[in-house]
């Protein structure tokens, strides 16, 4: 059975994250991925969740409180391009669910320049065999620009150091979302 994009990303992350690990949600949004990551790291682990929108951080916090996992997450009101300022040491996974906050102003989106800066910094903090996952949304103009830039960057990564996988449904209409998964080899 084929998994939808987010289920595939979640399953891939579950295969590398262990209880007690530190992970990053580079785009907290409404908190769905943050909660998923908090479940993966367990009571002794830590999730660092970034977002620039106060509404996103409030929604994420509420979701975590309702699930009894708020203490596992550090909510950071900053763009993901600043993750290097907050991460100390290695992380086992970094997740980017790009685009705009569902239900909010669609003009406020992630951008190619900040996303590439964040991914480059994140890759430096990724543990060996760790996964950096990006869900890309080329169905809107800024998303298309971002997806093209991220994919071009990922294609250029040395295969001896990073394995890059593209997971996409190729018979979907309207520029369907897809995922890139990067696994650090050395």
N, C-alpha and C. Protein backbone atom coordinates (compact mmCIF):
# COMPACT_ATOMS: atom_id res chain seq x y z
N UNK A 1 0.84 -1.18 0.00
CA UNK A 1 0.00 0.00 0.00
C UNK A 1 0.88 1.24 0.00
N UNK A 2 0.56 2.20 -0.84
CA UNK A 2 1.31 3.44 -0.90
C UNK A 2 0.84 4.39 0.20
N UNK A 3 1.79 5.03 0.84
CA UNK A 3 1.48 5.99 1.89
C UNK A 3 1.36 7.39 1.30
N UNK A 4 0.47 8.21 1.89
CA UNK A 4 0.44 9.60 1.44
C UNK A 4 1.76 10.26 1.85
N UNK A 5 2.01 11.46 1.38
CA UNK A 5 3.30 12.11 1.57
C UNK A 5 3.66 12.24 3.05
N UNK A 6 2.78 12.79 3.86
CA UNK A 6 3.10 12.98 5.28
C UNK A 6 3.27 11.66 6.02
N UNK A 7 2.44 10.68 5.71
CA UNK A 7 2.59 9.38 6.36
C UNK A 7 3.94 8.75 6.00
N UNK A 8 4.36 8.91 4.76
CA UNK A 8 5.67 8.38 4.35
C UNK A 8 6.79 9.08 5.12
N UNK A 9 6.71 10.40 5.23
CA UNK A 9 7.73 11.15 5.97
C UNK A 9 7.74 10.73 7.44
N UNK A 10 6.58 10.64 8.04
CA UNK A 10 6.50 10.23 9.45
C UNK A 10 7.07 8.83 9.66
N UNK A 11 6.73 7.91 8.79
CA UNK A 11 7.25 6.55 8.90
C UNK A 11 8.77 6.53 8.77
N UNK A 12 9.29 7.31 7.86
CA UNK A 12 10.74 7.38 7.66
C UNK A 12 11.44 7.95 8.90
N UNK A 13 10.85 8.97 9.48
CA UNK A 13 11.43 9.58 10.69
C UNK A 13 11.36 8.60 11.85
N UNK A 14 10.26 7.89 11.99
CA UNK A 14 10.12 6.91 13.08
C UNK A 14 11.21 5.85 13.03
N UNK A 15 11.72 5.56 11.86
CA UNK A 15 12.74 4.52 11.72
C UNK A 15 14.10 4.97 12.25
N UNK A 16 14.32 6.27 12.41
CA UNK A 16 15.63 6.74 12.88
C UNK A 16 15.61 7.39 14.26
N UNK A 17 14.48 7.91 14.69
CA UNK A 17 14.41 8.60 15.97
C UNK A 17 14.19 7.60 17.10
N UNK A 18 14.95 7.77 18.16
CA UNK A 18 14.85 6.91 19.34
C UNK A 18 14.42 7.74 20.55
N UNK A 19 13.87 7.09 21.54
CA UNK A 19 13.50 7.77 22.78
C UNK A 19 14.73 8.46 23.36
N UNK A 20 14.56 9.70 23.78
CA UNK A 20 15.66 10.47 24.34
C UNK A 20 16.39 11.34 23.34
N UNK A 21 16.09 11.20 22.05
CA UNK A 21 16.74 12.01 21.02
C UNK A 21 16.26 13.45 21.04
N UNK A 22 17.04 14.29 20.37
CA UNK A 22 16.63 15.67 20.09
C UNK A 22 16.33 15.76 18.60
N UNK A 23 15.21 16.39 18.28
CA UNK A 23 14.78 16.56 16.89
C UNK A 23 14.29 17.99 16.70
N UNK A 24 14.09 18.36 15.44
CA UNK A 24 13.66 19.72 15.11
C UNK A 24 12.44 19.69 14.21
N UNK A 25 11.44 20.48 14.57
CA UNK A 25 10.34 20.79 13.65
C UNK A 25 10.62 22.21 13.19
N UNK A 26 11.09 22.35 11.98
CA UNK A 26 11.51 23.66 11.46
C UNK A 26 10.34 24.57 11.12
N UNK A 27 9.13 24.00 11.06
CA UNK A 27 7.93 24.74 10.69
C UNK A 27 6.76 24.23 11.53
N UNK A 28 6.62 24.74 12.74
CA UNK A 28 5.64 24.20 13.69
C UNK A 28 4.21 24.23 13.16
N UNK A 29 3.82 25.30 12.50
CA UNK A 29 2.47 25.38 11.95
C UNK A 29 1.41 25.18 13.02
N UNK A 30 0.47 24.30 12.76
CA UNK A 30 -0.60 24.03 13.74
C UNK A 30 -0.24 22.92 14.73
N UNK A 31 0.99 22.43 14.67
CA UNK A 31 1.49 21.51 15.68
C UNK A 31 1.33 20.03 15.41
N UNK A 32 0.81 19.66 14.28
CA UNK A 32 0.61 18.23 14.00
C UNK A 32 1.95 17.48 13.95
N UNK A 33 2.90 18.02 13.22
CA UNK A 33 4.21 17.37 13.12
C UNK A 33 4.98 17.49 14.43
N UNK A 34 4.83 18.59 15.13
CA UNK A 34 5.49 18.76 16.43
C UNK A 34 5.01 17.69 17.40
N UNK A 35 3.72 17.45 17.44
CA UNK A 35 3.17 16.41 18.31
C UNK A 35 3.68 15.03 17.89
N UNK A 36 3.70 14.77 16.61
CA UNK A 36 4.24 13.50 16.12
C UNK A 36 5.68 13.33 16.60
N UNK A 37 6.51 14.35 16.44
CA UNK A 37 7.91 14.27 16.86
C UNK A 37 8.03 14.10 18.37
N UNK A 38 7.17 14.77 19.14
CA UNK A 38 7.19 14.63 20.59
C UNK A 38 6.89 13.19 21.00
N UNK A 39 6.01 12.55 20.28
CA UNK A 39 5.71 11.14 20.53
C UNK A 39 6.93 10.27 20.25
N UNK A 40 7.65 10.59 19.19
CA UNK A 40 8.83 9.81 18.80
C UNK A 40 9.96 9.90 19.83
N UNK A 41 10.20 11.08 20.39
CA UNK A 41 11.36 11.26 21.28
C UNK A 41 11.09 10.79 22.70
N UNK A 42 9.86 10.57 23.07
CA UNK A 42 9.54 10.09 24.40
C UNK A 42 9.73 11.15 25.48
N UNK A 43 9.51 10.73 26.71
CA UNK A 43 9.53 11.66 27.84
C UNK A 43 10.90 12.28 28.08
N UNK A 44 11.96 11.61 27.69
CA UNK A 44 13.31 12.13 27.94
C UNK A 44 13.90 12.86 26.74
N UNK A 45 13.17 12.89 25.63
CA UNK A 45 13.66 13.55 24.43
C UNK A 45 13.24 15.00 24.36
N UNK A 46 13.64 15.65 23.29
CA UNK A 46 13.36 17.07 23.12
C UNK A 46 13.06 17.38 21.67
N UNK A 47 12.02 18.20 21.47
CA UNK A 47 11.68 18.72 20.16
C UNK A 47 11.88 20.23 20.20
N UNK A 48 12.60 20.75 19.24
CA UNK A 48 12.74 22.19 19.08
C UNK A 48 11.85 22.57 17.90
N UNK A 49 10.82 23.38 18.17
CA UNK A 49 9.84 23.72 17.14
C UNK A 49 9.90 25.22 16.84
N UNK A 50 10.13 25.55 15.58
CA UNK A 50 10.28 26.92 15.13
C UNK A 50 9.06 27.39 14.36
N UNK A 51 8.68 28.64 14.57
CA UNK A 51 7.70 29.31 13.71
C UNK A 51 7.80 30.80 13.97
N UNK A 52 7.49 31.58 12.93
CA UNK A 52 7.55 33.04 13.08
C UNK A 52 6.20 33.62 13.47
N UNK A 53 5.15 32.82 13.39
CA UNK A 53 3.81 33.32 13.66
C UNK A 53 3.36 32.92 15.06
N UNK A 54 2.96 33.90 15.83
CA UNK A 54 2.48 33.66 17.20
C UNK A 54 1.28 32.71 17.20
N UNK A 55 0.39 32.87 16.23
CA UNK A 55 -0.78 32.00 16.15
C UNK A 55 -0.37 30.53 15.98
N UNK A 56 0.67 30.29 15.21
CA UNK A 56 1.15 28.93 15.01
C UNK A 56 1.70 28.36 16.32
N UNK A 57 2.48 29.14 17.03
CA UNK A 57 3.04 28.66 18.29
C UNK A 57 1.96 28.42 19.33
N UNK A 58 0.94 29.26 19.35
CA UNK A 58 -0.17 29.06 20.29
C UNK A 58 -0.96 27.79 19.94
N UNK A 59 -1.21 27.57 18.66
CA UNK A 59 -1.93 26.36 18.24
C UNK A 59 -1.11 25.12 18.57
N UNK A 60 0.19 25.19 18.35
CA UNK A 60 1.07 24.06 18.65
C UNK A 60 1.08 23.79 20.15
N UNK A 61 1.22 24.82 20.94
CA UNK A 61 1.24 24.67 22.39
C UNK A 61 -0.05 24.03 22.89
N UNK A 62 -1.18 24.50 22.39
CA UNK A 62 -2.48 23.95 22.80
C UNK A 62 -2.57 22.47 22.45
N UNK A 63 -2.14 22.11 21.26
CA UNK A 63 -2.19 20.71 20.82
C UNK A 63 -1.32 19.85 21.75
N UNK A 64 -0.14 20.36 22.08
CA UNK A 64 0.78 19.61 22.95
C UNK A 64 0.24 19.47 24.37
N UNK A 65 -0.34 20.54 24.90
CA UNK A 65 -0.93 20.49 26.25
C UNK A 65 -2.05 19.46 26.28
N UNK A 66 -2.91 19.49 25.26
CA UNK A 66 -4.03 18.54 25.20
C UNK A 66 -3.56 17.09 25.15
N UNK A 67 -2.38 16.87 24.58
CA UNK A 67 -1.83 15.51 24.47
C UNK A 67 -0.92 15.17 25.65
N UNK A 68 -0.71 16.11 26.56
CA UNK A 68 0.15 15.87 27.71
C UNK A 68 1.63 15.81 27.35
N UNK A 69 2.05 16.52 26.30
CA UNK A 69 3.45 16.45 25.85
C UNK A 69 4.12 17.81 25.74
N UNK A 70 3.56 18.81 26.36
CA UNK A 70 4.11 20.16 26.23
C UNK A 70 5.55 20.25 26.75
N UNK A 71 5.86 19.51 27.81
CA UNK A 71 7.20 19.60 28.42
C UNK A 71 8.30 19.04 27.53
N UNK A 72 7.95 18.32 26.50
CA UNK A 72 8.96 17.73 25.60
C UNK A 72 9.41 18.71 24.51
N UNK A 73 8.72 19.84 24.40
CA UNK A 73 8.92 20.73 23.26
C UNK A 73 9.35 22.12 23.70
N UNK A 74 10.37 22.62 23.04
CA UNK A 74 10.78 24.01 23.18
C UNK A 74 10.23 24.76 21.97
N UNK A 75 9.29 25.67 22.21
CA UNK A 75 8.72 26.47 21.14
C UNK A 75 9.58 27.71 20.96
N UNK A 76 9.98 27.96 19.72
CA UNK A 76 10.91 29.05 19.43
C UNK A 76 10.27 29.97 18.38
N UNK A 77 10.05 31.23 18.79
CA UNK A 77 9.49 32.20 17.85
C UNK A 77 10.64 32.81 17.06
N UNK A 78 10.97 32.13 15.99
CA UNK A 78 12.05 32.55 15.09
C UNK A 78 11.88 31.78 13.80
N UNK A 79 12.39 32.35 12.74
CA UNK A 79 12.39 31.67 11.47
C UNK A 79 13.36 30.50 11.50
N UNK A 80 13.07 29.47 10.72
CA UNK A 80 13.94 28.29 10.72
C UNK A 80 15.35 28.59 10.25
N UNK A 81 15.55 29.71 9.56
CA UNK A 81 16.89 30.08 9.13
C UNK A 81 17.80 30.40 10.32
N UNK A 82 17.21 30.52 11.51
CA UNK A 82 17.98 30.80 12.73
C UNK A 82 18.23 29.55 13.56
N UNK A 83 17.90 28.38 13.05
CA UNK A 83 18.02 27.17 13.87
C UNK A 83 19.45 26.92 14.34
N UNK A 84 20.42 27.36 13.58
CA UNK A 84 21.83 27.19 13.98
C UNK A 84 22.13 27.93 15.28
N UNK A 85 21.38 29.00 15.56
CA UNK A 85 21.57 29.77 16.79
C UNK A 85 21.03 29.03 18.01
N UNK A 86 20.20 28.03 17.82
CA UNK A 86 19.53 27.35 18.92
C UNK A 86 19.98 25.91 19.13
N UNK A 87 20.41 25.24 18.08
CA UNK A 87 20.77 23.83 18.19
C UNK A 87 22.20 23.70 18.71
N UNK A 88 22.35 22.90 19.73
CA UNK A 88 23.67 22.55 20.24
C UNK A 88 23.84 21.05 20.06
N UNK A 89 24.87 20.65 19.40
CA UNK A 89 25.11 19.23 19.20
C UNK A 89 24.33 18.67 18.04
N UNK A 90 24.11 17.35 18.11
CA UNK A 90 23.48 16.64 17.00
C UNK A 90 21.99 16.41 17.25
N UNK A 91 21.27 16.31 16.15
CA UNK A 91 19.85 15.95 16.18
C UNK A 91 19.65 14.75 15.26
N UNK A 92 18.66 13.93 15.57
CA UNK A 92 18.45 12.73 14.75
C UNK A 92 17.49 12.96 13.60
N UNK A 93 16.68 14.02 13.67
CA UNK A 93 15.75 14.30 12.58
C UNK A 93 15.40 15.79 12.56
N UNK A 94 15.16 16.27 11.36
CA UNK A 94 14.69 17.64 11.15
C UNK A 94 13.58 17.55 10.12
N UNK A 95 12.45 18.16 10.46
CA UNK A 95 11.30 18.11 9.55
C UNK A 95 10.90 19.51 9.13
N UNK A 96 10.73 19.67 7.81
CA UNK A 96 10.23 20.90 7.22
C UNK A 96 8.92 20.56 6.52
N UNK A 97 7.83 21.18 6.93
CA UNK A 97 6.56 21.06 6.23
C UNK A 97 6.27 22.46 5.70
N UNK A 98 6.71 22.71 4.49
CA UNK A 98 6.83 24.06 3.96
C UNK A 98 5.51 24.64 3.46
N UNK A 99 5.55 25.89 3.03
CA UNK A 99 4.36 26.55 2.50
C UNK A 99 3.84 27.60 3.44
N UNK A 100 2.54 27.56 3.68
CA UNK A 100 1.90 28.55 4.55
C UNK A 100 1.10 27.85 5.64
N UNK A 101 0.79 28.59 6.69
CA UNK A 101 0.02 28.07 7.81
C UNK A 101 -1.42 27.83 7.37
N UNK A 102 -1.89 26.58 7.41
CA UNK A 102 -3.27 26.30 7.01
C UNK A 102 -4.26 27.14 7.83
N UNK A 103 -5.19 27.78 7.13
CA UNK A 103 -6.19 28.59 7.79
C UNK A 103 -5.74 30.02 8.08
N UNK A 104 -4.54 30.38 7.68
CA UNK A 104 -4.02 31.72 7.93
C UNK A 104 -3.76 32.43 6.59
N UNK A 105 -3.09 33.56 6.66
CA UNK A 105 -2.77 34.37 5.49
C UNK A 105 -1.84 33.60 4.55
N UNK A 106 -2.31 33.28 3.37
CA UNK A 106 -1.53 32.50 2.42
C UNK A 106 -0.38 33.30 1.81
N UNK A 107 -0.34 34.58 2.07
CA UNK A 107 0.78 35.40 1.59
C UNK A 107 2.00 35.27 2.49
N UNK A 108 1.81 34.74 3.68
CA UNK A 108 2.92 34.52 4.61
C UNK A 108 3.40 33.08 4.43
N UNK A 109 4.45 32.93 3.63
CA UNK A 109 4.93 31.59 3.29
C UNK A 109 6.41 31.45 3.63
N UNK A 110 6.84 30.21 3.68
CA UNK A 110 8.27 29.96 3.74
C UNK A 110 8.86 30.37 2.40
N UNK A 111 10.15 30.67 2.39
CA UNK A 111 10.79 31.13 1.16
C UNK A 111 12.03 30.29 0.86
N UNK A 112 12.39 30.27 -0.39
CA UNK A 112 13.55 29.48 -0.82
C UNK A 112 14.81 29.89 -0.08
N UNK A 113 15.05 31.18 0.06
CA UNK A 113 16.32 31.62 0.66
C UNK A 113 16.43 31.21 2.12
N UNK A 114 15.38 31.41 2.91
CA UNK A 114 15.47 31.04 4.33
C UNK A 114 15.45 29.54 4.52
N UNK A 115 14.69 28.84 3.68
CA UNK A 115 14.63 27.39 3.79
C UNK A 115 15.98 26.76 3.45
N UNK A 116 16.62 27.24 2.40
CA UNK A 116 17.94 26.70 2.04
C UNK A 116 18.97 26.98 3.13
N UNK A 117 18.92 28.17 3.71
CA UNK A 117 19.83 28.49 4.81
C UNK A 117 19.60 27.54 5.99
N UNK A 118 18.34 27.29 6.31
CA UNK A 118 18.00 26.40 7.42
C UNK A 118 18.42 24.96 7.12
N UNK A 119 18.19 24.50 5.91
CA UNK A 119 18.55 23.13 5.56
C UNK A 119 20.06 22.91 5.59
N UNK A 120 20.79 23.87 5.10
CA UNK A 120 22.25 23.76 5.12
C UNK A 120 22.75 23.70 6.56
N UNK A 121 22.24 24.57 7.42
CA UNK A 121 22.63 24.57 8.83
C UNK A 121 22.17 23.28 9.51
N UNK A 122 20.95 22.85 9.19
CA UNK A 122 20.42 21.63 9.80
C UNK A 122 21.24 20.41 9.43
N UNK A 123 21.66 20.33 8.20
CA UNK A 123 22.47 19.20 7.75
C UNK A 123 23.76 19.09 8.55
N UNK A 124 24.33 20.23 8.92
CA UNK A 124 25.55 20.23 9.72
C UNK A 124 25.32 19.66 11.13
N UNK A 125 24.10 19.79 11.64
CA UNK A 125 23.77 19.29 12.98
C UNK A 125 23.19 17.88 12.97
N UNK A 126 22.90 17.36 11.80
CA UNK A 126 22.26 16.05 11.69
C UNK A 126 23.26 14.95 12.04
N UNK A 127 22.84 14.04 12.89
CA UNK A 127 23.66 12.89 13.27
C UNK A 127 23.83 11.95 12.08
N UNK A 128 24.87 11.14 12.11
CA UNK A 128 25.06 10.12 11.09
C UNK A 128 23.81 9.23 11.08
N UNK A 129 23.28 8.95 9.92
CA UNK A 129 22.05 8.20 9.69
C UNK A 129 20.78 8.97 10.04
N UNK A 130 20.93 10.22 10.49
CA UNK A 130 19.78 11.06 10.75
C UNK A 130 19.09 11.46 9.46
N UNK A 131 17.84 11.91 9.59
CA UNK A 131 17.03 12.26 8.42
C UNK A 131 16.58 13.71 8.48
N UNK A 132 16.75 14.40 7.38
CA UNK A 132 16.17 15.72 7.17
C UNK A 132 15.07 15.51 6.13
N UNK A 133 13.84 15.83 6.51
CA UNK A 133 12.70 15.62 5.62
C UNK A 133 12.06 16.96 5.28
N UNK A 134 11.71 17.12 4.02
CA UNK A 134 11.05 18.34 3.56
C UNK A 134 9.83 17.97 2.74
N UNK A 135 8.67 18.49 3.15
CA UNK A 135 7.46 18.35 2.36
C UNK A 135 7.30 19.66 1.61
N UNK A 136 7.26 19.56 0.28
CA UNK A 136 7.26 20.72 -0.60
C UNK A 136 5.91 20.85 -1.30
N UNK A 137 5.47 22.09 -1.50
CA UNK A 137 4.15 22.36 -2.06
C UNK A 137 4.27 23.26 -3.30
N UNK A 138 4.53 22.68 -4.47
CA UNK A 138 4.71 23.49 -5.68
C UNK A 138 3.40 23.99 -6.30
N UNK A 139 2.29 23.79 -5.65
CA UNK A 139 0.99 24.17 -6.21
C UNK A 139 0.67 25.65 -6.12
N UNK A 140 1.49 26.45 -5.44
CA UNK A 140 1.32 27.91 -5.44
C UNK A 140 2.66 28.52 -5.82
N UNK A 141 2.64 29.76 -6.28
CA UNK A 141 3.82 30.37 -6.88
C UNK A 141 5.06 30.33 -5.99
N UNK A 142 4.94 30.80 -4.75
CA UNK A 142 6.10 30.81 -3.86
C UNK A 142 6.54 29.37 -3.56
N UNK A 143 5.59 28.47 -3.44
CA UNK A 143 5.91 27.07 -3.20
C UNK A 143 6.66 26.43 -4.36
N UNK A 144 6.29 26.80 -5.58
CA UNK A 144 6.98 26.29 -6.76
C UNK A 144 8.43 26.76 -6.78
N UNK A 145 8.63 28.04 -6.52
CA UNK A 145 9.98 28.61 -6.49
C UNK A 145 10.81 27.91 -5.42
N UNK A 146 10.22 27.74 -4.25
CA UNK A 146 10.92 27.10 -3.13
C UNK A 146 11.24 25.64 -3.46
N UNK A 147 10.28 24.91 -3.99
CA UNK A 147 10.49 23.50 -4.31
C UNK A 147 11.61 23.33 -5.33
N UNK A 148 11.62 24.16 -6.37
CA UNK A 148 12.67 24.07 -7.38
C UNK A 148 14.04 24.35 -6.78
N UNK A 149 14.13 25.35 -5.91
CA UNK A 149 15.42 25.70 -5.29
C UNK A 149 15.90 24.60 -4.35
N UNK A 150 15.00 24.08 -3.54
CA UNK A 150 15.38 23.02 -2.60
C UNK A 150 15.81 21.76 -3.35
N UNK A 151 15.08 21.40 -4.37
CA UNK A 151 15.44 20.20 -5.13
C UNK A 151 16.78 20.39 -5.84
N UNK A 152 17.02 21.56 -6.41
CA UNK A 152 18.30 21.83 -7.07
C UNK A 152 19.45 21.73 -6.08
N UNK A 153 19.26 22.25 -4.88
CA UNK A 153 20.27 22.16 -3.82
C UNK A 153 20.52 20.70 -3.44
N UNK A 154 19.45 19.95 -3.23
CA UNK A 154 19.57 18.55 -2.80
C UNK A 154 20.24 17.68 -3.86
N UNK A 155 19.94 17.92 -5.12
CA UNK A 155 20.55 17.16 -6.21
C UNK A 155 22.07 17.34 -6.21
N UNK A 156 22.53 18.50 -5.79
CA UNK A 156 23.95 18.80 -5.79
C UNK A 156 24.72 18.29 -4.60
N UNK A 157 24.05 17.69 -3.64
CA UNK A 157 24.75 17.18 -2.45
C UNK A 157 25.57 15.95 -2.81
N UNK A 158 26.77 15.80 -2.26
CA UNK A 158 27.62 14.65 -2.58
C UNK A 158 26.98 13.33 -2.10
N UNK A 159 26.81 12.39 -3.02
CA UNK A 159 26.13 11.14 -2.68
C UNK A 159 26.88 10.32 -1.65
N UNK A 160 28.17 10.51 -1.52
CA UNK A 160 28.93 9.78 -0.51
C UNK A 160 28.60 10.27 0.91
N UNK A 161 28.12 11.50 0.99
CA UNK A 161 27.83 12.10 2.30
C UNK A 161 26.35 12.10 2.66
N UNK A 162 25.50 12.23 1.64
CA UNK A 162 24.07 12.36 1.88
C UNK A 162 23.30 11.57 0.82
N UNK A 163 22.41 10.70 1.27
CA UNK A 163 21.49 10.03 0.36
C UNK A 163 20.23 10.88 0.25
N UNK A 164 19.76 11.12 -0.96
CA UNK A 164 18.59 11.97 -1.18
C UNK A 164 17.52 11.16 -1.92
N UNK A 165 16.33 11.13 -1.34
CA UNK A 165 15.20 10.41 -1.93
C UNK A 165 14.07 11.39 -2.21
N UNK A 166 13.46 11.27 -3.38
CA UNK A 166 12.27 12.05 -3.70
C UNK A 166 11.08 11.09 -3.69
N UNK A 167 10.05 11.44 -2.93
CA UNK A 167 8.84 10.63 -2.85
C UNK A 167 7.70 11.47 -3.41
N UNK A 168 7.16 11.04 -4.54
CA UNK A 168 6.13 11.83 -5.21
C UNK A 168 5.17 10.93 -5.96
N UNK A 169 3.94 11.38 -6.05
CA UNK A 169 2.95 10.73 -6.90
C UNK A 169 2.98 11.45 -8.24
N UNK A 170 3.36 10.76 -9.28
CA UNK A 170 3.59 11.43 -10.56
C UNK A 170 2.35 11.54 -11.44
N UNK A 171 1.24 10.95 -11.02
CA UNK A 171 0.02 11.05 -11.83
C UNK A 171 -1.04 11.93 -11.17
N UNK A 172 -0.62 12.78 -10.25
CA UNK A 172 -1.55 13.71 -9.61
C UNK A 172 -1.57 15.02 -10.37
N UNK A 173 -2.72 15.67 -10.35
CA UNK A 173 -2.84 16.95 -11.05
C UNK A 173 -2.55 18.11 -10.10
N UNK A 174 -2.40 19.27 -10.66
CA UNK A 174 -2.24 20.52 -9.91
C UNK A 174 -0.97 20.55 -9.06
N UNK A 175 0.14 20.08 -9.60
CA UNK A 175 1.42 20.18 -8.90
C UNK A 175 1.32 19.72 -7.45
N UNK A 176 1.07 18.46 -7.28
CA UNK A 176 0.87 17.86 -5.96
C UNK A 176 2.11 17.99 -5.08
N UNK A 177 1.91 18.03 -3.76
CA UNK A 177 3.05 18.06 -2.84
C UNK A 177 3.90 16.80 -3.00
N UNK A 178 5.16 16.93 -2.63
CA UNK A 178 6.06 15.78 -2.61
C UNK A 178 7.07 15.97 -1.49
N UNK A 179 7.82 14.92 -1.22
CA UNK A 179 8.79 14.98 -0.13
C UNK A 179 10.19 14.68 -0.63
N UNK A 180 11.14 15.34 -0.02
CA UNK A 180 12.55 15.00 -0.18
C UNK A 180 13.04 14.54 1.19
N UNK A 181 13.72 13.40 1.22
CA UNK A 181 14.32 12.90 2.44
C UNK A 181 15.82 12.81 2.23
N UNK A 182 16.56 13.40 3.13
CA UNK A 182 18.01 13.37 3.09
C UNK A 182 18.50 12.59 4.29
N UNK A 183 19.33 11.58 4.06
CA UNK A 183 19.91 10.84 5.16
C UNK A 183 21.42 11.03 5.14
N UNK A 184 21.93 11.50 6.26
CA UNK A 184 23.36 11.76 6.37
C UNK A 184 24.11 10.45 6.49
N UNK A 185 25.10 10.27 5.65
CA UNK A 185 25.87 9.02 5.63
C UNK A 185 27.18 9.15 6.41
N UNK A 186 27.88 10.27 6.26
CA UNK A 186 29.14 10.49 6.98
C UNK A 186 29.21 11.93 7.46
